[in-house]
Amino acid sequence: MGASREHIAPLTAESPFARGGVFANRERAPEVNGPDMSTMLDMARRPGKPSGEIPVHRPEFTAGPLGLSATWLGHASTVVDLDGVRIVTDPVLSERCSPSQIIGPRRMHRAPVTAGQLPPVDVVLISHDHYDHLDTATVVTIARTQPDAVFVVPVGVGAHLRSWGVEADRIRHADWFEQVDLSVRGTEVSFHAVPARHFSGRGLSRNLTQWVSWAVVGPHHRFFFSGDTGYTESYAETGTTFGPFDLSLIAVGAYDPAWPDIHLNPEEALAVHRLLSGDEPGALFVPIHWGTFNLARHSWVDPVRRLTVEAQRTGVDVCVPSPGSTIAPDSRTGTAMFDPTWWERCA
């Protein structure tokens, strides 16, 4: 399941953002303990699944990482090639995002690849420790099959990895406003942990580990990965400090009236994108955290339908890849671009 408080505490004891070993958002937000029974029953009654089969592509990864490309594997899992360094974000490739593969939210489409079929990965980038972002089986498989992969995680999350057998020297930690600098085959890449508005926890534990968004800066390109977050204007500071970005991977799904402050809805996601872009033309926006698991009471298609309407209104460049599709933001080409409205046939 994960590490205990006694294993996490030594890693977080010196964090200026933990009080009594517990983290909190900079903006006030009500405590979230997950959906109650009435909410879960309401989710079961609503059309959270697509009416048609979701098309899944078998990714065709190049032998080595490209300048900049992104392959969406579903939910928050994306393989990003950045200036010759290959990064996978929040890899969750199991059938369920749950402490058990018997119960819990089940995938609505198959994973484009298994954890053992991933291409050679240099960095595994984790945003926080919720089950739909940190999957034990996927992490264990990557650690076993890719001995050179480094895990870049928020402070405290490394305790989970160590409890699953990942060696400490393969784990790099960062708290809010800290960074991890890596040299991969002579390429310098910086991973900047910026404040997100969310929470953390596995099992009965809550907020013992940090949650972050990541600004990733290479020598020629840079991208933003939201992880899970609610709306916060602090992303304007992120854009000023680390932008302009070439690619924005921002969560657009799993919003609900019961937790309005800790997940973005589509319009808020675009607002965050604009905060990150400032006066620049803006990165290519690729929506994540939708379409794979039913985690809220909106319909399956609602996130991307609302997103595309708002993007047209505001002039934001959006690409909606189907699972397994690859895009190249520099040229706006790739397998995803051949069928930009695939989701309409699944709605």
Protein backbone atom coordinates (compact mmCIF):
# COMPACT_ATOMS: atom_id res chain seq x y z
CA MET A 1 0.00 0.00 0.00
CA GLY A 2 2.73 2.44 0.93
CA ALA A 3 5.02 3.67 3.66
CA SER A 4 3.86 4.36 7.20
CA ARG A 5 3.99 7.70 9.00
CA GLU A 6 7.15 6.65 10.84
CA HIS A 7 8.94 6.00 7.53
CA ILE A 8 7.69 9.21 5.89
CA ALA A 9 8.32 11.55 8.83
CA PRO A 10 12.15 11.64 8.61
CA LEU A 11 11.88 12.80 4.99
CA THR A 12 9.42 15.60 5.69
CA ALA A 13 10.55 16.76 9.14
CA GLU A 14 12.54 19.72 7.78
CA SER A 15 9.92 20.94 5.31
CA PRO A 16 8.82 24.53 6.05
CA PHE A 17 5.39 23.62 4.67
CA ALA A 18 4.62 20.81 7.10
CA ARG A 19 3.05 21.52 10.47
CA GLY A 20 3.19 18.61 12.87
CA GLY A 21 4.19 16.42 9.96
CA VAL A 22 1.10 17.36 7.92
CA PHE A 23 1.05 19.46 4.73
CA ALA A 24 -1.59 22.02 3.75
CA ASN A 25 -2.44 24.23 0.80
CA ARG A 26 -1.41 27.86 0.71
CA GLU A 27 -5.04 28.77 -0.11
CA ARG A 28 -7.73 27.65 2.28
CA ALA A 29 -9.66 24.61 1.06
CA PRO A 30 -12.06 22.30 2.86
CA GLU A 31 -10.70 18.94 3.91
CA VAL A 32 -11.42 16.23 1.37
CA ASN A 33 -11.76 12.64 2.52
CA GLY A 34 -13.03 11.22 -0.75
CA PRO A 35 -16.62 10.80 -1.94
CA ASP A 36 -19.22 9.76 0.61
CA MET A 37 -21.70 6.97 -0.06
CA SER A 38 -24.36 9.23 -1.58
CA THR A 39 -21.80 10.73 -3.96
CA MET A 40 -20.59 7.26 -4.97
CA LEU A 41 -24.16 6.13 -5.66
CA ASP A 42 -24.74 9.28 -7.71
CA MET A 43 -21.55 8.57 -9.70
CA ALA A 44 -22.82 5.05 -10.43
CA ARG A 45 -26.09 6.45 -11.85
CA ARG A 46 -24.51 9.06 -14.09
CA PRO A 47 -23.10 8.40 -17.59
CA GLY A 48 -19.43 8.34 -16.61
CA LYS A 49 -18.47 5.93 -19.38
CA PRO A 50 -18.35 6.53 -23.14
CA SER A 51 -21.05 5.05 -25.37
CA GLY A 52 -18.49 3.89 -27.94
CA GLU A 53 -15.18 2.08 -27.77
CA ILE A 54 -12.22 4.34 -27.08
CA PRO A 55 -9.57 4.00 -29.81
CA VAL A 56 -6.19 3.00 -28.39
CA HIS A 57 -3.01 3.25 -30.44
CA ARG A 58 0.10 1.17 -29.99
CA PRO A 59 2.81 3.81 -29.48
CA GLU A 60 5.76 3.72 -31.84
CA PHE A 61 8.54 5.17 -29.74
CA THR A 62 11.74 6.13 -31.49
CA ALA A 63 14.94 4.35 -30.51
CA GLY A 64 16.13 7.48 -28.72
CA PRO A 65 14.29 10.49 -27.27
CA LEU A 66 13.35 13.30 -29.65
CA GLY A 67 13.59 17.07 -29.23
CA LEU A 68 10.03 17.39 -27.95
CA SER A 69 7.15 14.96 -28.21
CA ALA A 70 4.41 13.69 -25.93
CA THR A 71 2.65 10.32 -25.96
CA TRP A 72 -0.48 10.19 -23.81
CA LEU A 73 -0.97 6.79 -22.16
CA GLY A 74 -4.22 7.76 -20.40
CA HIS A 75 -5.14 9.71 -17.27
CA ALA A 76 -2.02 11.61 -16.06
CA SER A 77 0.47 9.19 -17.64
CA THR A 78 2.45 10.70 -20.52
CA VAL A 79 5.81 9.87 -22.04
CA VAL A 80 7.58 13.14 -22.86
CA ASP A 81 10.75 13.31 -24.92
CA LEU A 82 12.58 16.50 -23.97
CA ASP A 83 15.85 17.42 -25.67
CA GLY A 84 17.09 13.83 -25.71
CA VAL A 85 15.77 12.89 -22.25
CA ARG A 86 12.75 10.58 -21.90
CA ILE A 87 10.38 11.26 -19.00
CA VAL A 88 7.20 9.47 -17.97
CA THR A 89 4.73 11.34 -15.77
CA ASP A 90 2.65 9.63 -13.05
CA PRO A 91 2.73 6.20 -14.72
CA VAL A 92 -0.37 4.19 -13.83
CA LEU A 93 -0.73 1.20 -16.17
CA SER A 94 -2.63 -1.26 -13.97
CA GLU A 95 -6.26 -2.18 -14.61
CA ARG A 96 -7.48 -0.31 -11.53
CA CYS A 97 -6.26 2.80 -9.69
CA SER A 98 -6.78 1.31 -6.26
CA PRO A 99 -4.94 -0.45 -3.45
CA SER A 100 -6.65 -3.60 -4.78
CA GLN A 101 -6.99 -4.95 -8.31
CA ILE A 102 -10.29 -6.54 -7.28
CA ILE A 103 -12.22 -3.36 -6.45
CA GLY A 104 -11.83 0.32 -7.23
CA PRO A 105 -12.01 2.50 -10.37
CA ARG A 106 -11.34 0.40 -13.47
CA ARG A 107 -9.87 1.56 -16.76
CA MET A 108 -12.37 2.50 -19.46
CA HIS A 109 -9.79 1.75 -22.14
CA ARG A 110 -6.88 -0.65 -22.18
CA ALA A 111 -3.43 0.71 -21.46
CA PRO A 112 -1.57 1.43 -24.72
CA VAL A 113 1.45 -0.39 -23.24
CA THR A 114 2.15 -2.39 -20.13
CA ALA A 115 4.74 -1.18 -17.65
CA GLY A 116 7.15 -3.77 -19.03
CA GLN A 117 6.63 -2.50 -22.59
CA LEU A 118 7.60 1.10 -21.90
CA PRO A 119 10.54 2.36 -23.94
CA PRO A 120 13.82 3.10 -22.14
CA VAL A 121 12.94 5.83 -19.65
CA ASP A 122 15.40 8.21 -18.00
CA VAL A 123 13.10 9.85 -15.43
CA VAL A 124 9.89 8.83 -13.69
CA LEU A 125 8.20 12.07 -12.59
CA ILE A 126 5.61 11.84 -9.79
CA SER A 127 3.24 14.62 -8.72
CA HIS A 128 1.77 13.10 -5.53
CA ASP A 129 0.90 9.79 -3.93
CA HIS A 130 -2.77 9.20 -4.75
CA TYR A 131 -3.50 5.79 -6.26
CA ASP A 132 -4.41 7.21 -9.67
CA HIS A 133 -0.98 8.90 -9.85
CA LEU A 134 1.31 6.52 -7.99
CA ASP A 135 0.74 2.85 -8.82
CA THR A 136 2.68 0.21 -6.93
CA ALA A 137 2.76 -2.43 -9.68
CA THR A 138 3.80 0.04 -12.38
CA VAL A 139 6.57 1.57 -10.26
CA VAL A 140 7.91 -1.82 -9.19
CA THR A 141 8.01 -3.03 -12.80
CA ILE A 142 9.77 0.11 -14.05
CA ALA A 143 12.29 -0.08 -11.21
CA ARG A 144 13.02 -3.74 -12.03
CA THR A 145 13.15 -3.52 -15.83
CA GLN A 146 14.75 -0.07 -16.16
CA PRO A 147 17.68 0.02 -13.72
CA ASP A 148 18.93 3.39 -14.98
CA ALA A 149 15.63 5.23 -14.47
CA VAL A 150 15.65 7.94 -11.80
CA PHE A 151 12.51 8.77 -9.79
CA VAL A 152 11.85 12.48 -9.19
CA VAL A 153 9.19 12.89 -6.51
CA PRO A 154 7.73 15.38 -4.00
CA VAL A 155 9.20 15.31 -0.53
CA GLY A 156 7.98 12.28 1.43
CA VAL A 157 6.85 10.24 -1.57
CA GLY A 158 10.20 8.48 -1.78
CA ALA A 159 9.29 6.58 1.39
CA HIS A 160 6.61 4.74 -0.57
CA LEU A 161 9.09 3.86 -3.30
CA ARG A 162 11.65 2.60 -0.81
CA SER A 163 9.00 0.42 0.86
CA TRP A 164 8.46 -1.19 -2.56
CA GLY A 165 12.15 -1.90 -3.03
CA VAL A 166 13.36 1.10 -5.06
CA GLU A 167 16.91 1.95 -4.02
CA ALA A 168 17.36 5.28 -2.25
CA ASP A 169 20.09 6.42 -4.63
CA ARG A 170 17.59 6.31 -7.51
CA ILE A 171 15.18 8.72 -5.82
CA ARG A 172 15.38 12.53 -5.91
CA HIS A 173 13.12 14.66 -3.69
CA ALA A 174 11.90 18.24 -4.00
CA ASP A 175 9.62 20.37 -1.86
CA TRP A 176 7.72 23.42 -3.10
CA PHE A 177 10.12 25.95 -4.68
CA GLU A 178 12.94 23.40 -4.81
CA GLN A 179 14.43 21.77 -7.87
CA VAL A 180 16.14 18.60 -8.98
CA ASP A 181 18.93 18.96 -11.53
CA LEU A 182 19.90 15.91 -13.58
CA SER A 183 22.52 15.31 -16.22
CA VAL A 184 21.38 12.60 -18.64
CA ARG A 185 23.93 11.62 -21.28
CA GLY A 186 25.36 15.12 -21.06
CA THR A 187 21.98 16.90 -21.24
CA GLU A 188 21.09 19.07 -18.26
CA VAL A 189 17.41 19.04 -17.24
CA SER A 190 15.89 20.83 -14.23
CA PHE A 191 12.70 19.72 -12.50
CA HIS A 192 11.12 22.56 -10.54
CA ALA A 193 8.48 21.68 -7.92
CA VAL A 194 5.84 24.41 -7.77
CA PRO A 195 2.86 24.59 -5.40
CA ALA A 196 -0.30 22.81 -6.47
CA ARG A 197 -3.66 23.06 -4.70
CA HIS A 198 -4.57 19.52 -3.76
CA PHE A 199 -3.93 16.96 -1.01
CA SER A 200 -2.23 13.60 -0.59
CA GLY A 201 -2.77 10.25 1.05
CA ARG A 202 -2.92 6.49 0.66
CA GLY A 203 -5.19 4.29 2.74
CA LEU A 204 -6.18 6.12 5.91
CA SER A 205 -3.26 8.55 5.89
CA ARG A 206 -3.78 12.16 4.81
CA ASN A 207 -1.34 14.90 3.80
CA LEU A 208 1.83 13.26 5.12
CA THR A 209 3.58 13.84 1.79
CA GLN A 210 3.80 16.88 -0.46
CA TRP A 211 1.88 17.43 -3.72
CA VAL A 212 3.34 19.46 -6.57
CA SER A 213 3.11 20.56 -10.16
CA TRP A 214 6.32 20.37 -12.19
CA ALA A 215 8.02 22.86 -14.49
CA VAL A 216 10.58 20.89 -16.50
CA VAL A 217 13.32 22.85 -18.24
CA GLY A 218 15.72 21.43 -20.81
CA PRO A 219 18.38 23.21 -22.87
CA HIS A 220 15.98 23.89 -25.77
CA HIS A 221 12.43 23.08 -24.61
CA ARG A 222 10.35 23.14 -21.46
CA PHE A 223 7.00 21.75 -20.38
CA PHE A 224 4.54 22.08 -17.52
CA PHE A 225 2.88 19.11 -15.81
CA SER A 226 0.03 19.99 -13.48
CA GLY A 227 -0.47 16.70 -11.68
CA ASP A 228 -3.66 17.26 -9.65
CA THR A 229 -4.58 20.78 -8.64
CA GLY A 230 -7.37 23.22 -8.10
CA TYR A 231 -7.25 26.74 -9.44
CA THR A 232 -4.63 29.04 -8.00
CA GLU A 233 -3.27 32.29 -9.39
CA SER A 234 0.19 31.31 -8.14
CA TYR A 235 0.72 29.67 -11.54
CA ALA A 236 1.30 33.14 -12.93
CA GLU A 237 4.52 33.16 -10.90
CA THR A 238 5.40 29.76 -12.36
CA GLY A 239 4.99 31.10 -15.87
CA THR A 240 7.05 34.20 -15.13
CA THR A 241 9.85 32.23 -13.49
CA PHE A 242 10.09 29.16 -15.72
CA GLY A 243 8.21 29.95 -18.94
CA PRO A 244 7.55 30.29 -21.73
CA PHE A 245 6.57 26.63 -22.02
CA ASP A 246 6.35 24.68 -25.25
CA LEU A 247 3.88 22.15 -23.87
CA SER A 248 1.26 22.24 -21.10
CA LEU A 249 -0.04 18.96 -19.68
CA ILE A 250 -2.95 20.09 -17.50
CA ALA A 251 -5.66 18.08 -15.76
CA VAL A 252 -9.19 18.78 -17.03
CA GLY A 253 -11.27 15.97 -15.47
CA ALA A 254 -12.58 14.53 -12.20
CA TYR A 255 -14.06 17.85 -11.07
CA ASP A 256 -17.15 17.77 -8.89
CA PRO A 257 -19.23 20.17 -6.77
CA ALA A 258 -18.18 18.15 -3.71
CA TRP A 259 -14.51 19.12 -4.20
CA PRO A 260 -14.38 22.39 -6.17
CA ASP A 261 -11.04 23.60 -4.80
CA ILE A 262 -8.72 20.67 -5.46
CA HIS A 263 -9.45 19.70 -9.10
CA LEU A 264 -9.63 21.96 -12.14
CA ASN A 265 -12.64 22.07 -14.39
CA PRO A 266 -11.94 22.65 -18.12
CA GLU A 267 -12.42 26.40 -18.02
CA GLU A 268 -10.15 26.70 -14.99
CA ALA A 269 -7.55 24.52 -16.69
CA LEU A 270 -7.44 26.94 -19.61
CA ALA A 271 -7.21 29.83 -17.17
CA VAL A 272 -4.17 28.16 -15.58
CA HIS A 273 -2.68 27.71 -19.05
CA ARG A 274 -3.11 31.42 -19.71
CA LEU A 275 -1.51 32.27 -16.35
CA LEU A 276 1.47 30.16 -17.34
CA SER A 277 1.70 31.77 -20.77
CA GLY A 278 1.50 35.41 -19.72
CA ASP A 279 1.98 37.61 -22.76
CA GLU A 280 3.55 34.81 -24.80
CA PRO A 281 1.62 33.05 -27.59
CA GLY A 282 1.39 30.03 -25.33
CA ALA A 283 2.32 26.39 -25.31
CA LEU A 284 0.37 23.63 -26.96
CA PHE A 285 -2.28 22.58 -24.43
CA VAL A 286 -2.73 18.81 -24.07
CA PRO A 287 -5.49 17.77 -21.63
CA ILE A 288 -4.77 14.98 -19.16
CA HIS A 289 -6.58 13.37 -16.23
CA TRP A 290 -9.75 12.57 -18.13
CA GLY A 291 -11.23 9.70 -20.11
CA THR A 292 -9.51 6.76 -18.40
CA PHE A 293 -11.05 6.38 -14.92
CA ASN A 294 -14.50 7.44 -13.75
CA LEU A 295 -13.67 9.55 -10.69
CA ALA A 296 -16.44 12.18 -10.59
CA ARG A 297 -20.07 12.82 -11.52
CA HIS A 298 -19.60 14.50 -14.88
CA SER A 299 -20.15 12.61 -18.13
CA TRP A 300 -17.22 11.00 -19.92
CA VAL A 301 -17.12 13.58 -22.69
CA ASP A 302 -17.89 16.68 -20.60
CA PRO A 303 -14.24 17.67 -19.87
CA VAL A 304 -13.03 17.71 -23.46
CA ARG A 305 -16.27 19.08 -24.91
CA ARG A 306 -16.16 22.06 -22.52
CA LEU A 307 -12.42 22.42 -23.09
CA THR A 308 -12.67 22.70 -26.86
CA VAL A 309 -15.51 25.22 -26.67
CA GLU A 310 -13.57 27.42 -24.26
CA ALA A 311 -10.33 27.01 -26.24
CA GLN A 312 -12.04 28.25 -29.40
CA ARG A 313 -13.46 31.19 -27.50
CA THR A 314 -10.10 32.18 -26.02
CA GLY A 315 -7.86 31.24 -28.96
CA VAL A 316 -5.82 28.62 -27.10
CA ASP A 317 -4.11 25.95 -29.21
CA VAL A 318 -5.40 22.58 -27.92
CA CYS A 319 -4.67 19.04 -29.07
CA VAL A 320 -6.69 16.11 -27.69
CA PRO A 321 -4.73 12.89 -28.28
CA SER A 322 -6.38 9.50 -28.04
CA PRO A 323 -4.60 6.98 -25.77
CA GLY A 324 -1.27 5.95 -27.23
CA SER A 325 -1.08 8.85 -29.68
CA THR A 326 2.04 10.97 -30.04
CA ILE A 327 2.24 14.68 -30.81
CA ALA A 328 5.19 16.91 -31.65
CA PRO A 329 4.36 20.38 -30.31
CA ASP A 330 7.03 22.16 -32.37
CA SER A 331 5.40 21.15 -35.66
CA ARG A 332 1.90 20.42 -34.33
CA THR A 333 2.14 17.01 -36.02
CA GLY A 334 1.93 13.41 -34.89
CA THR A 335 -0.46 10.49 -34.73
CA ALA A 336 -2.92 12.47 -32.61
CA MET A 337 -3.31 15.14 -35.27
CA PHE A 338 -4.75 12.75 -37.86
CA ASP A 339 -8.00 12.35 -35.93
CA PRO A 340 -8.47 15.43 -33.73
CA THR A 341 -12.16 14.79 -32.97
CA TRP A 342 -11.99 11.06 -32.21
CA TRP A 343 -13.67 11.66 -28.86
CA GLU A 344 -16.90 12.86 -30.50
CA ARG A 345 -17.58 9.34 -31.80
CA CYS A 346 -17.13 7.90 -28.30
CA ALA A 347 -19.38 10.40 -26.53
